[in-house]
Amino acid sequence: MRQPKSVKSLEDLGRVRLSENFFLRDFLYSEIAVIHGFPNIPDDPDLAIAAGSALCQNLLEPLQARFGKVSIRSAYRSSAVNHFGNINKLNCGRNETNHAGHIWDRRDAQGRMGATACIAVNRFVPWYERTGDWEAMAWWIHDHLPYSDMEFFPRLAAFNLQWREDPVRRIHSFIPPRRGVLTKPGMDNWTGTHDAAYAAMLTKLGA
């Protein structure tokens, strides 16, 4: 598929169904692109569709099936949008670190395909705001879904959720007082299950 150059071709791209509940259009909105006039459109639509489909089918669909609506906060970024966000300190990493991350239509340096979306799990937000316990969701995903990387943020307990070929399975948080790495390969808590960490959350949410 070629990069869209008309309204109709962009509409057609947006109608591509990545999974049962998600279409590509759900992931193309960018505040940076809107405010600064960038088209946030994949250069390689086929790669973006393949990576986004894997993200939706392997991570977002099972997460939504268990906990209810998943809201997309930020997802696909074109290389131009991400670069502008990086050099202007708008919370975007360098393009090279975002290939197979927010930049879905570029493979990473190891040739791996991947995609990231920053999401909020709507039913989880009141639990987090009452308890501050973001780790419950992190550990549930770690135990149940084939993610590669998660990064949690203070507002709404929104988090970057990445699917990638050959996943790393690393969790990081920017939420005080427990900023830093929660788990990664080599840490004692990386293996095994973590049922106790999310039992209360599941009971409260009826999940």
Protein backbone atom coordinates (compact mmCIF):
# COMPACT_ATOMS: atom_id res chain seq x y z
CA MET A 1 0.00 0.00 0.00
CA ARG A 2 1.30 3.46 -0.91
CA GLN A 3 1.43 6.39 1.48
CA PRO A 4 -1.89 8.27 1.18
CA LYS A 5 -1.77 11.49 -0.84
CA SER A 6 -5.48 12.36 -0.87
CA VAL A 7 -8.34 12.60 1.60
CA LYS A 8 -9.95 9.48 0.17
CA SER A 9 -6.80 7.38 0.34
CA LEU A 10 -6.22 8.53 3.92
CA GLU A 11 -9.83 7.67 4.77
CA ASP A 12 -9.28 4.22 3.29
CA LEU A 13 -6.12 3.77 5.36
CA GLY A 14 -7.93 4.84 8.51
CA ARG A 15 -10.63 2.23 7.85
CA VAL A 16 -8.11 -0.62 7.97
CA ARG A 17 -9.21 -2.89 10.80
CA LEU A 18 -6.28 -3.88 12.99
CA SER A 19 -8.37 -6.12 15.26
CA GLU A 20 -11.98 -6.66 16.28
CA ASN A 21 -12.31 -3.36 18.15
CA PHE A 22 -9.55 -1.15 16.73
CA PHE A 23 -9.05 0.60 13.39
CA LEU A 24 -5.87 2.32 12.25
CA ARG A 25 -7.56 5.73 12.46
CA ASP A 26 -7.82 5.28 16.25
CA PHE A 27 -4.04 5.58 16.48
CA LEU A 28 -3.20 8.44 14.09
CA TYR A 29 -4.19 11.46 16.19
CA SER A 30 -1.25 13.53 17.49
CA GLU A 31 -1.39 16.82 19.37
CA ILE A 32 2.05 17.69 18.02
CA ALA A 33 0.88 17.09 14.46
CA VAL A 34 -2.33 19.08 14.94
CA ILE A 35 -0.73 22.12 16.58
CA HIS A 36 2.36 22.28 14.39
CA GLY A 37 0.84 21.24 11.06
CA PHE A 38 2.50 17.87 10.42
CA PRO A 39 0.77 15.05 8.54
CA ASN A 40 0.93 12.06 10.89
CA ILE A 41 0.77 9.45 8.13
CA PRO A 42 2.92 6.31 7.77
CA ASP A 43 5.59 6.29 5.07
CA ASP A 44 5.24 2.50 4.98
CA PRO A 45 1.55 1.74 5.59
CA ASP A 46 1.99 -2.02 5.22
CA LEU A 47 4.58 -2.19 8.01
CA ALA A 48 2.51 0.13 10.21
CA ILE A 49 -0.55 -2.07 9.67
CA ALA A 50 1.35 -5.26 10.44
CA ALA A 51 2.91 -3.84 13.62
CA GLY A 52 -0.31 -2.19 14.75
CA SER A 53 -2.30 -5.36 14.15
CA ALA A 54 0.09 -7.31 16.36
CA LEU A 55 -0.16 -4.66 19.09
CA CYS A 56 -3.95 -4.72 19.00
CA GLN A 57 -4.45 -8.46 18.69
CA ASN A 58 -1.84 -9.53 21.24
CA LEU A 59 -2.14 -6.76 23.83
CA LEU A 60 -4.99 -4.28 23.49
CA GLU A 61 -7.78 -6.75 22.70
CA PRO A 62 -7.08 -9.12 25.62
CA LEU A 63 -6.57 -6.15 27.95
CA GLN A 64 -9.89 -4.64 26.89
CA ALA A 65 -11.63 -8.01 27.12
CA ARG A 66 -10.55 -8.34 30.75
CA PHE A 67 -10.84 -4.77 32.05
CA GLY A 68 -13.18 -2.93 29.69
CA LYS A 69 -12.54 0.10 27.53
CA VAL A 70 -8.96 1.03 26.70
CA SER A 71 -8.49 4.70 25.74
CA ILE A 72 -5.72 5.63 23.34
CA ARG A 73 -3.72 8.62 24.59
CA SER A 74 -0.89 8.61 22.03
CA ALA A 75 0.20 5.99 19.54
CA TYR A 76 1.63 6.15 16.01
CA ARG A 77 4.01 9.00 15.22
CA SER A 78 5.57 9.66 11.86
CA SER A 79 9.34 10.11 11.85
CA ALA A 80 8.88 13.85 11.23
CA VAL A 81 6.41 14.26 14.10
CA ASN A 82 8.56 12.30 16.52
CA HIS A 83 11.74 14.17 15.55
CA PHE A 84 10.02 17.52 16.03
CA GLY A 85 8.73 16.37 19.41
CA ASN A 86 12.18 15.26 20.44
CA ILE A 87 14.14 18.37 19.49
CA ASN A 88 11.47 20.60 21.04
CA LYS A 89 11.33 18.60 24.30
CA LEU A 90 7.72 17.46 23.84
CA ASN A 91 8.16 14.11 25.56
CA CYS A 92 9.38 12.20 22.51
CA GLY A 93 12.55 10.13 22.49
CA ARG A 94 15.01 10.18 19.60
CA ASN A 95 13.76 8.57 16.41
CA GLU A 96 16.31 5.77 16.70
CA THR A 97 14.93 4.78 20.10
CA ASN A 98 11.34 4.98 18.85
CA HIS A 99 11.71 2.77 15.78
CA ALA A 100 9.39 -0.21 16.40
CA GLY A 101 7.98 1.89 19.24
CA HIS A 102 5.84 4.95 18.53
CA ILE A 103 7.24 4.93 15.00
CA TRP A 104 5.44 1.82 13.78
CA ASP A 105 6.65 1.99 10.19
CA ARG A 106 10.35 1.59 10.96
CA ARG A 107 12.06 -1.53 12.26
CA ASP A 108 14.52 -1.12 15.10
CA ALA A 109 18.30 -1.45 14.80
CA GLN A 110 18.00 -5.23 15.20
CA GLY A 111 15.43 -5.48 12.42
CA ARG A 112 12.49 -6.12 14.74
CA MET A 113 8.97 -4.96 14.00
CA GLY A 114 7.03 -3.31 16.80
CA ALA A 115 4.43 -0.77 17.85
CA THR A 116 3.66 1.25 21.00
CA ALA A 117 0.51 2.93 22.22
CA CYS A 118 0.13 5.10 25.31
CA ILE A 119 -3.14 4.00 26.87
CA ALA A 120 -5.37 4.46 29.89
CA VAL A 121 -7.52 1.59 31.17
CA ASN A 122 -10.70 3.43 32.14
CA ARG A 123 -11.86 1.12 34.94
CA PHE A 124 -8.38 1.10 36.45
CA VAL A 125 -8.15 4.89 36.82
CA PRO A 126 -10.33 5.19 39.98
CA TRP A 127 -8.41 2.34 41.60
CA TYR A 128 -5.11 4.06 40.87
CA GLU A 129 -6.34 7.48 42.01
CA ARG A 130 -7.54 6.00 45.30
CA THR A 131 -4.59 3.70 46.03
CA GLY A 132 -1.66 4.94 43.94
CA ASP A 133 -1.12 1.29 43.01
CA TRP A 134 -0.03 1.29 39.38
CA GLU A 135 1.97 -1.89 39.95
CA ALA A 136 -1.16 -4.04 40.07
CA MET A 137 -1.85 -3.43 36.38
CA ALA A 138 1.82 -3.74 35.49
CA TRP A 139 2.15 -7.15 37.13
CA TRP A 140 -1.12 -8.45 35.66
CA ILE A 141 0.08 -7.60 32.16
CA HIS A 142 3.51 -9.06 32.91
CA ASP A 143 1.94 -12.36 33.95
CA HIS A 144 -0.65 -12.62 31.18
CA LEU A 145 0.34 -10.79 27.97
CA PRO A 146 3.31 -10.92 25.56
CA TYR A 147 4.37 -7.27 25.94
CA SER A 148 7.90 -6.01 25.34
CA ASP A 149 8.02 -2.78 27.35
CA MET A 150 5.80 -0.74 29.66
CA GLU A 151 6.31 2.80 31.00
CA PHE A 152 3.86 4.21 33.56
CA PHE A 153 3.06 7.92 34.00
CA PRO A 154 1.45 9.79 36.92
CA ARG A 155 -1.66 11.17 35.16
CA LEU A 156 -4.43 8.55 34.91
CA ALA A 157 -1.81 5.81 35.36
CA ALA A 158 -1.49 6.02 31.59
CA PHE A 159 1.27 3.84 30.24
CA ASN A 160 3.18 3.08 27.10
CA LEU A 161 2.50 -0.51 26.09
CA GLN A 162 4.76 -1.99 23.44
CA TRP A 163 4.49 -5.10 21.35
CA ARG A 164 7.67 -6.08 19.55
CA GLU A 165 9.18 -9.13 17.93
CA ASP A 166 11.58 -10.83 20.39
CA PRO A 167 10.11 -8.99 23.42
CA VAL A 168 12.29 -7.70 26.27
CA ARG A 169 9.56 -7.65 28.97
CA ARG A 170 10.71 -4.62 30.95
CA ILE A 171 8.61 -2.33 33.19
CA HIS A 172 9.58 1.24 34.11
CA SER A 173 7.70 3.94 36.03
CA PHE A 174 7.82 7.73 36.29
CA ILE A 175 5.35 7.67 39.21
CA PRO A 176 6.79 8.76 42.58
CA PRO A 177 7.83 7.48 45.00
CA ARG A 178 8.57 4.25 43.10
CA ARG A 179 10.25 5.72 40.01
CA GLY A 180 12.57 3.52 38.01
CA VAL A 181 12.64 -0.08 36.87
CA LEU A 182 10.08 -2.43 38.38
CA THR A 183 11.39 -5.47 36.56
CA LYS A 184 13.57 -6.50 33.64
CA PRO A 185 15.47 -9.62 32.58
CA GLY A 186 17.98 -10.61 35.23
CA MET A 187 16.04 -9.22 38.20
CA ASP A 188 14.81 -11.73 40.78
CA ASN A 189 11.18 -10.63 40.38
CA TRP A 190 11.11 -11.06 36.59
CA THR A 191 10.20 -14.76 36.63
CA GLY A 192 7.30 -16.54 38.28
CA THR A 193 3.81 -15.19 38.87
CA HIS A 194 2.76 -12.17 40.89
CA ASP A 195 -0.85 -12.98 41.82
CA ALA A 196 -0.70 -11.25 45.20
CA ALA A 197 0.25 -7.95 43.57
CA TYR A 198 -3.04 -7.65 41.67
CA ALA A 199 -5.52 -9.83 43.64
CA ALA A 200 -7.14 -6.86 45.40
CA MET A 201 -7.44 -4.93 42.13
CA LEU A 202 -9.18 -7.82 40.40
CA THR A 203 -11.61 -8.21 43.29
CA LYS A 204 -12.43 -4.50 43.38
CA LEU A 205 -12.84 -4.19 39.63
CA GLY A 206 -14.73 -7.47 39.32
CA ALA A 207 -12.30 -8.49 36.62
